[in-house]
Protein backbone atom coordinates (compact mmCIF):
# COMPACT_ATOMS: atom_id res chain seq x y z
CA VAL A 1 24.76 5.44 25.37
CA ALA A 2 21.97 7.47 26.99
CA LEU A 3 19.86 9.55 24.59
CA SER A 4 17.91 12.60 25.66
CA VAL A 5 14.32 12.85 24.47
CA ASP A 6 14.02 16.57 25.22
CA ILE A 7 12.36 17.24 21.86
CA PRO A 8 9.90 20.10 21.20
CA ARG A 9 6.39 18.93 20.24
CA PHE A 10 7.34 15.40 21.18
CA GLY A 11 3.80 14.05 20.68
CA PRO A 12 3.55 14.79 16.92
CA TYR A 13 7.24 13.94 16.56
CA ALA A 14 6.79 10.44 18.01
CA PHE A 15 3.43 9.91 16.30
CA THR A 16 4.99 10.57 12.89
CA GLY A 17 7.85 8.14 13.55
CA MET A 18 5.52 5.45 14.84
CA LEU A 19 3.16 5.76 11.89
CA VAL A 20 5.96 5.49 9.32
CA TYR A 21 7.72 2.59 11.00
CA SER A 22 4.48 0.75 11.74
CA TRP A 23 3.64 0.58 8.03
CA PHE A 24 7.11 -0.72 7.24
CA GLN A 25 7.26 -3.24 10.09
CA SER A 26 3.76 -4.64 9.60
CA SER A 27 4.23 -5.00 5.84
CA VAL A 28 7.55 -6.83 5.91
CA SER A 29 6.51 -9.02 8.85
CA GLN A 30 3.22 -10.08 7.25
CA ALA A 31 4.78 -10.45 3.79
CA SER A 32 7.25 -13.00 5.17
CA GLY A 33 4.32 -15.38 5.78
CA ALA A 34 2.33 -14.40 2.67
CA ILE A 35 3.18 -17.58 0.74
CA THR A 36 3.30 -20.13 3.55
CA ASP A 37 -0.04 -18.90 4.91
CA SER A 38 -1.76 -19.19 1.51
CA ARG A 39 -1.19 -22.83 0.59
CA GLU A 40 -4.60 -23.31 -1.03
CA LEU A 41 -4.22 -20.26 -3.23
CA MET A 42 -0.78 -21.40 -4.31
CA LYS A 43 -2.25 -24.66 -5.58
CA GLN A 44 -4.65 -22.86 -7.91
CA PRO A 45 -3.60 -23.16 -11.59
CA GLY A 46 -2.39 -19.88 -13.03
CA PHE A 47 -2.31 -18.06 -9.69
CA SER A 48 0.49 -15.48 -9.51
CA ALA A 49 2.35 -15.81 -6.23
CA ALA A 50 3.86 -12.34 -6.69
CA VAL A 51 0.46 -10.82 -5.92
CA LEU A 52 0.47 -11.93 -2.28
CA PRO A 53 3.37 -9.84 -0.88
CA ALA A 54 2.16 -6.87 -2.94
CA VAL A 55 -1.35 -7.15 -1.48
CA THR A 56 0.12 -7.23 2.02
CA VAL A 57 2.12 -4.04 1.48
CA ILE A 58 -0.80 -2.28 -0.24
CA THR A 59 -3.18 -3.22 2.58
CA ASN A 60 -0.83 -1.71 5.15
CA LEU A 61 -0.37 1.32 2.90
CA ILE A 62 -4.14 1.86 3.01
CA HIS A 63 -4.05 1.71 6.81
CA PHE A 64 -1.22 4.26 6.72
CA LEU A 65 -3.20 6.58 4.43
CA PHE A 66 -6.26 6.33 6.68
CA ALA A 67 -4.12 7.36 9.66
CA LEU A 68 -2.49 10.32 7.87
CA PRO A 69 -5.49 12.67 8.25
CA LEU A 70 -5.47 11.96 11.98
CA LEU A 71 -1.79 12.89 12.12
CA MET A 72 -2.44 16.07 10.15
CA LEU A 73 -5.30 16.98 12.47
CA PHE A 74 -2.98 16.33 15.39
CA LEU A 75 -0.42 18.69 13.82
CA LEU A 76 -3.03 21.42 13.21
CA VAL A 77 -4.24 21.23 16.82
CA ASP A 78 -0.61 21.42 17.93
CA GLY A 79 -0.20 24.62 15.93
CA THR A 80 1.81 23.19 13.04
CA GLY A 81 0.58 24.57 9.74
CA LEU A 82 0.66 22.48 6.56
CA ARG A 83 2.76 24.09 3.82
CA SER A 84 3.06 23.59 0.08
CA VAL A 85 5.99 21.21 0.57
CA ILE A 86 3.40 18.61 1.58
CA LEU A 87 2.93 18.06 -2.17
CA LEU A 88 6.20 16.12 -2.00
CA LEU A 89 4.69 13.65 0.46
CA PRO A 90 3.46 11.20 -2.26
CA VAL A 91 7.05 10.90 -3.50
CA VAL A 92 8.29 9.86 -0.06
CA ILE A 93 5.36 7.45 0.30
CA ALA A 94 6.16 5.94 -3.11
CA ILE A 95 9.82 5.43 -2.16
CA GLN A 96 8.81 3.71 1.07
CA PHE A 97 6.33 1.52 -0.81
CA VAL A 98 8.95 0.34 -3.32
CA LEU A 99 11.54 -0.27 -0.58
CA THR A 100 9.07 -2.20 1.57
CA LEU A 101 7.80 -4.31 -1.31
CA GLY A 102 11.34 -5.28 -2.31
CA LEU A 103 12.08 -6.46 1.23
CA GLY A 104 8.67 -8.16 1.35
CA TYR A 105 9.49 -10.26 -1.71
CA LEU A 106 12.81 -11.36 -0.21
CA ALA A 107 11.23 -12.21 3.15
CA ALA A 108 8.35 -14.14 1.54
CA ALA A 109 10.66 -16.22 -0.65
CA GLY A 110 13.07 -16.85 2.21
CA ASN A 111 10.34 -18.09 4.51
CA VAL A 112 9.30 -20.82 2.04
CA LEU A 113 12.83 -22.22 1.92
CA PHE A 114 13.73 -21.62 5.56
CA ARG A 115 10.71 -21.61 7.86
CA ASP A 116 12.56 -19.75 10.61
CA THR A 117 12.88 -16.73 8.32
CA GLU A 118 9.55 -15.33 9.58
CA HIS A 119 10.77 -15.37 13.19
CA LEU A 120 14.18 -14.00 12.25
CA VAL A 121 12.54 -11.15 10.32
CA ALA A 122 10.40 -10.28 13.37
CA VAL A 123 13.51 -10.08 15.57
CA LEU A 124 15.42 -7.98 13.03
CA LEU A 125 12.50 -5.58 12.61
CA GLN A 126 12.30 -5.13 16.37
CA LEU A 127 16.03 -4.42 16.49
CA LEU A 128 15.71 -1.98 13.58
CA PHE A 129 12.96 -0.17 15.48
CA PHE A 130 15.51 0.88 18.12
CA LEU A 131 17.96 1.86 15.36
CA THR A 132 15.37 4.16 13.77
CA PRO A 133 14.72 7.64 15.24
CA VAL A 134 11.12 7.03 16.23
CA PHE A 135 11.34 8.42 19.79
CA TYR A 136 14.61 10.31 19.52
CA ASN A 137 16.45 12.58 17.10
CA ALA A 138 19.04 10.98 14.82
CA SER A 139 21.46 13.82 15.62
CA MET A 140 21.61 12.52 19.22
CA VAL A 141 23.53 9.47 18.07
CA PRO A 142 27.26 10.06 18.71
CA GLU A 143 29.17 11.36 15.71
CA ARG A 144 31.48 8.33 15.55
CA TYR A 145 28.45 6.08 14.90
CA GLN A 146 26.63 8.33 12.44
CA SER A 147 28.02 6.86 9.20
CA LEU A 148 27.09 3.35 10.30
CA TYR A 149 23.77 4.45 11.78
CA ARG A 150 22.68 6.17 8.57
CA LEU A 151 23.04 2.98 6.56
CA ASN A 152 19.53 2.29 7.87
CA PRO A 153 17.23 3.63 5.11
CA MET A 154 14.40 4.11 7.61
CA VAL A 155 16.44 6.87 9.27
CA HIS A 156 16.26 8.94 6.09
CA LEU A 157 12.61 8.11 5.44
CA VAL A 158 11.48 9.12 8.93
CA GLU A 159 13.52 12.34 8.68
CA ALA A 160 11.96 13.11 5.28
CA TYR A 161 8.42 12.71 6.64
CA ARG A 162 9.23 14.92 9.63
CA ALA A 163 10.85 17.60 7.47
CA ILE A 164 7.68 17.81 5.35
CA LEU A 165 5.02 17.43 8.04
CA LEU A 166 6.60 18.96 11.14
CA GLY A 167 9.18 21.35 9.73
CA GLY A 168 7.43 22.44 6.55
CA THR A 169 10.82 22.20 4.83
CA TRP A 170 12.22 20.24 1.90
CA PRO A 171 13.95 16.99 2.85
CA SER A 172 17.44 16.32 1.54
CA GLY A 173 17.18 15.85 -2.23
CA LEU A 174 20.34 13.73 -2.26
CA ASP A 175 18.94 11.45 0.44
CA LEU A 176 15.66 11.02 -1.44
CA LEU A 177 17.47 10.31 -4.70
CA SER A 178 19.74 7.75 -3.00
CA LEU A 179 16.74 6.13 -1.32
CA GLY A 180 14.87 6.00 -4.61
CA VAL A 181 17.78 4.27 -6.34
CA LEU A 182 18.21 1.85 -3.42
CA ALA A 183 14.48 1.07 -3.27
CA THR A 184 14.25 0.49 -7.03
CA GLY A 185 17.31 -1.77 -7.02
CA LEU A 186 16.01 -3.70 -4.03
CA LEU A 187 12.61 -4.19 -5.65
CA TYR A 188 14.25 -5.46 -8.84
CA VAL A 189 16.46 -7.91 -6.95
CA GLY A 190 13.69 -8.96 -4.56
CA HIS A 191 11.18 -9.59 -7.33
CA LYS A 192 13.74 -11.46 -9.45
CA VAL A 193 14.73 -13.73 -6.54
CA PHE A 194 11.06 -14.29 -5.73
CA ILE A 195 10.16 -15.26 -9.31
CA ASN A 196 13.22 -17.52 -9.68
CA LEU A 197 12.29 -19.40 -6.50
CA SER A 198 8.54 -19.45 -7.06
CA TYR A 199 8.64 -22.75 -8.97
CA ARG A 200 9.54 -24.43 -5.67
CA PHE A 201 6.78 -22.83 -3.62
CA VAL A 202 4.04 -25.42 -4.17
């Protein structure tokens, strides 16, 4: 299906999508190798393996936060004013952090047991990139695919960032609440699976 990219202010639009997805993709991809790439640390008595995926996600979060002022400057130059709704931005960032960390724990644990997990995760993240509205608008996806398409949580996250930064409007409260519940549940499950398998890591 051909998708039109005739989107006003396409530069800031694409930049926002790229920035959001880049944090997510880099974090999950690097977290998948966090344990297998730190063999010496894992052999240290008392070392908590759960720190490694968290450090990976936090490091990429810092990169994301450093890039945000550049995006905001880009928006100001483009004529987009920043409104009070930007105060909601930390909430969206927190939801993305929790969601990403939960997936990071699952990917890290999986890669210890099945070494091809890291490569599989990279392929899936690349596929998910095309299923996330980074360079196109989600509304351009045909209606018959929308319910399936919107199962991708990154669709709602990217739209929330754009609503706040580009539109100056409140994102869907129901979407944010659903994402928050999903992210929290995923972090709980991911961390629990990680801890239960950690005795086999060394």
